[in-house]
C-alpha atoms as a PDB file:
ATOM      1  CA  GLY A   1       0.000   0.000   0.000  1.00  0.00           C
ATOM      2  CA  ILE A   2       1.577   3.151   1.283  1.00  0.00           C
ATOM      3  CA  PHE A   3       5.169   1.912   1.197  1.00  0.00           C
ATOM      4  CA  SER A   4       4.990   0.829  -2.424  1.00  0.00           C
ATOM      5  CA  ARG A   5       3.305   4.116  -3.294  1.00  0.00           C
ATOM      6  CA  ILE A   6       6.262   6.035  -1.859  1.00  0.00           C
ATOM      7  CA  PHE A   7       8.506   4.488  -4.505  1.00  0.00           C
ATOM      8  CA  THR A   8       6.080   4.514  -7.438  1.00  0.00           C
ATOM      9  CA  HIS A   9       4.507   7.965  -7.064  1.00  0.00           C
ATOM     10  CA  PRO A  10       7.393   9.817  -8.764  1.00  0.00           C
ATOM     11  CA  LEU A  11       6.986   7.471 -11.739  1.00  0.00           C
ATOM     12  CA  ASP A  12       3.279   8.295 -11.907  1.00  0.00           C
ATOM     13  CA  THR A  13       4.161  11.979 -11.778  1.00  0.00           C
ATOM     14  CA  ALA A  14       6.555  11.496 -14.700  1.00  0.00           C
ATOM     15  CA  LYS A  15       3.908   9.566 -16.644  1.00  0.00           C
ATOM     16  CA  ALA A  16       1.323  12.291 -16.099  1.00  0.00           C
ATOM     17  CA  ARG A  17       3.719  15.009 -17.200  1.00  0.00           C
ATOM     18  CA  LEU A  18       4.676  13.056 -20.313  1.00  0.00           C
ATOM     19  CA  GLN A  19       0.998  12.627 -21.161  1.00  0.00           C
ATOM     20  CA  ALA A  20       0.295  16.321 -20.568  1.00  0.00           C
ATOM     21  CA  THR A  21       2.955  17.535 -22.995  1.00  0.00           C
ATOM     22  CA  SER A  22       2.220  17.496 -26.685  1.00  0.00           C
ATOM     23  CA  PRO A  23       5.080  17.258 -29.191  1.00  0.00           C
ATOM     24  CA  SER A  24       3.234  19.597 -31.555  1.00  0.00           C
ATOM     25  CA  SER A  25       2.657  22.268 -28.919  1.00  0.00           C
ATOM     26  CA  THR A  26       4.609  25.510 -29.233  1.00  0.00           C
ATOM     27  CA  SER A  27       3.317  27.104 -26.032  1.00  0.00           C
ATOM     28  CA  GLY A  28       6.779  27.213 -24.486  1.00  0.00           C
ATOM     29  CA  SER A  29       6.230  24.072 -22.440  1.00  0.00           C
ATOM     30  CA  VAL A  30       9.086  21.657 -21.878  1.00  0.00           C
ATOM     31  CA  HIS A  31       9.235  18.720 -24.286  1.00  0.00           C
ATOM     32  CA  TYR A  32      10.537  15.607 -22.594  1.00  0.00           C
ATOM     33  CA  LYS A  33      12.318  12.731 -24.306  1.00  0.00           C
ATOM     34  CA  GLY A  34      11.429  10.158 -21.663  1.00  0.00           C
ATOM     35  CA  PRO A  35      10.528   9.509 -18.041  1.00  0.00           C
ATOM     36  CA  TRP A  36      14.089   9.869 -16.714  1.00  0.00           C
ATOM     37  CA  GLN A  37      14.350  13.339 -18.229  1.00  0.00           C
ATOM     38  CA  VAL A  38      11.028  14.259 -16.610  1.00  0.00           C
ATOM     39  CA  LEU A  39      12.222  13.028 -13.213  1.00  0.00           C
ATOM     40  CA  ARG A  40      15.549  14.833 -13.509  1.00  0.00           C
ATOM     41  CA  HIS A  41      13.998  18.115 -14.698  1.00  0.00           C
ATOM     42  CA  THR A  42      11.269  18.020 -12.046  1.00  0.00           C
ATOM     43  CA  PHE A  43      13.777  17.345  -9.279  1.00  0.00           C
ATOM     44  CA  GLN A  44      16.087  20.130 -10.479  1.00  0.00           C
ATOM     45  CA  THR A  45      13.344  22.741 -10.832  1.00  0.00           C
ATOM     46  CA  GLU A  46      10.887  21.817  -8.051  1.00  0.00           C
ATOM     47  CA  GLY A  47      12.865  19.584  -5.729  1.00  0.00           C
ATOM     48  CA  ILE A  48      11.523  16.495  -3.993  1.00  0.00           C
ATOM     49  CA  ARG A  49       8.149  18.189  -3.455  1.00  0.00           C
ATOM     50  CA  GLY A  50       7.629  18.307  -7.218  1.00  0.00           C
ATOM     51  CA  LEU A  51       8.035  14.543  -7.479  1.00  0.00           C
ATOM     52  CA  TYR A  52       5.469  13.933  -4.728  1.00  0.00           C
ATOM     53  CA  ARG A  53       2.900  16.521  -5.784  1.00  0.00           C
ATOM     54  CA  GLY A  54      -0.577  15.090  -5.186  1.00  0.00           C
ATOM     55  CA  PHE A  55       0.685  12.349  -2.875  1.00  0.00           C
ATOM     56  CA  GLY A  56      -1.605  13.280   0.031  1.00  0.00           C
ATOM     57  CA  PRO A  57      -4.914  12.889  -1.813  1.00  0.00           C
ATOM     58  CA  ILE A  58      -3.735   9.599  -3.317  1.00  0.00           C
ATOM     59  CA  ILE A  59      -3.013   8.158   0.137  1.00  0.00           C
ATOM     60  CA  VAL A  60      -6.205   9.521   1.697  1.00  0.00           C
ATOM     61  CA  GLY A  61      -8.333   8.237  -1.176  1.00  0.00           C
ATOM     62  CA  GLY A  62      -6.614   4.896  -1.612  1.00  0.00           C
ATOM     63  CA  THR A  63      -6.325   3.773   1.995  1.00  0.00           C
ATOM     64  CA  PRO A  64     -10.029   3.079   2.660  1.00  0.00           C
ATOM     65  CA  GLY A  65     -10.318   1.078  -0.553  1.00  0.00           C
ATOM     66  CA  THR A  66      -7.260  -1.000   0.270  1.00  0.00           C
ATOM     67  CA  MET A  67      -8.557  -1.651   3.776  1.00  0.00           C
ATOM     68  CA  MET A  68     -11.927  -2.809   2.421  1.00  0.00           C
ATOM     69  CA  TYR A  69     -10.225  -5.064  -0.124  1.00  0.00           C
ATOM     70  CA  LEU A  70      -7.967  -6.725   2.441  1.00  0.00           C
ATOM     71  CA  CYS A  71     -10.758  -7.220   4.995  1.00  0.00           C
ATOM     72  CA  THR A  72     -13.100  -8.658   2.384  1.00  0.00           C
ATOM     73  CA  TYR A  73     -10.357 -10.935   1.086  1.00  0.00           C
ATOM     74  CA  GLU A  74      -9.610 -12.334   4.541  1.00  0.00           C
ATOM     75  CA  ILE A  75     -13.298 -12.913   5.335  1.00  0.00           C
ATOM     76  CA  LEU A  76     -13.957 -14.666   2.030  1.00  0.00           C
ATOM     77  CA  LYS A  77     -10.769 -16.724   2.319  1.00  0.00           C
ATOM     78  CA  GLU A  78     -11.916 -18.094   5.686  1.00  0.00           C
ATOM     79  CA  ARG A  79     -15.364 -19.001   4.324  1.00  0.00           C
ATOM     80  CA  LEU A  80     -14.094 -20.902   1.300  1.00  0.00           C
END
């Protein structure tokens, strides 16, 4: 849950930023060549906070669902 999210959230941030940039756009936005360039540029310009932007809502929203899944799984496993 939370521990795996700590390591994967920066990758999700990179994915979202890659999806948000358009190669044909000339609006002055940064054009990335890949996820490592996104991670490096984000860390250099925004620091560690830039890599974990939006982390709080993800944890708050995902925790109840994970808890329900695990509880339901254990209950059903005992009944089978």
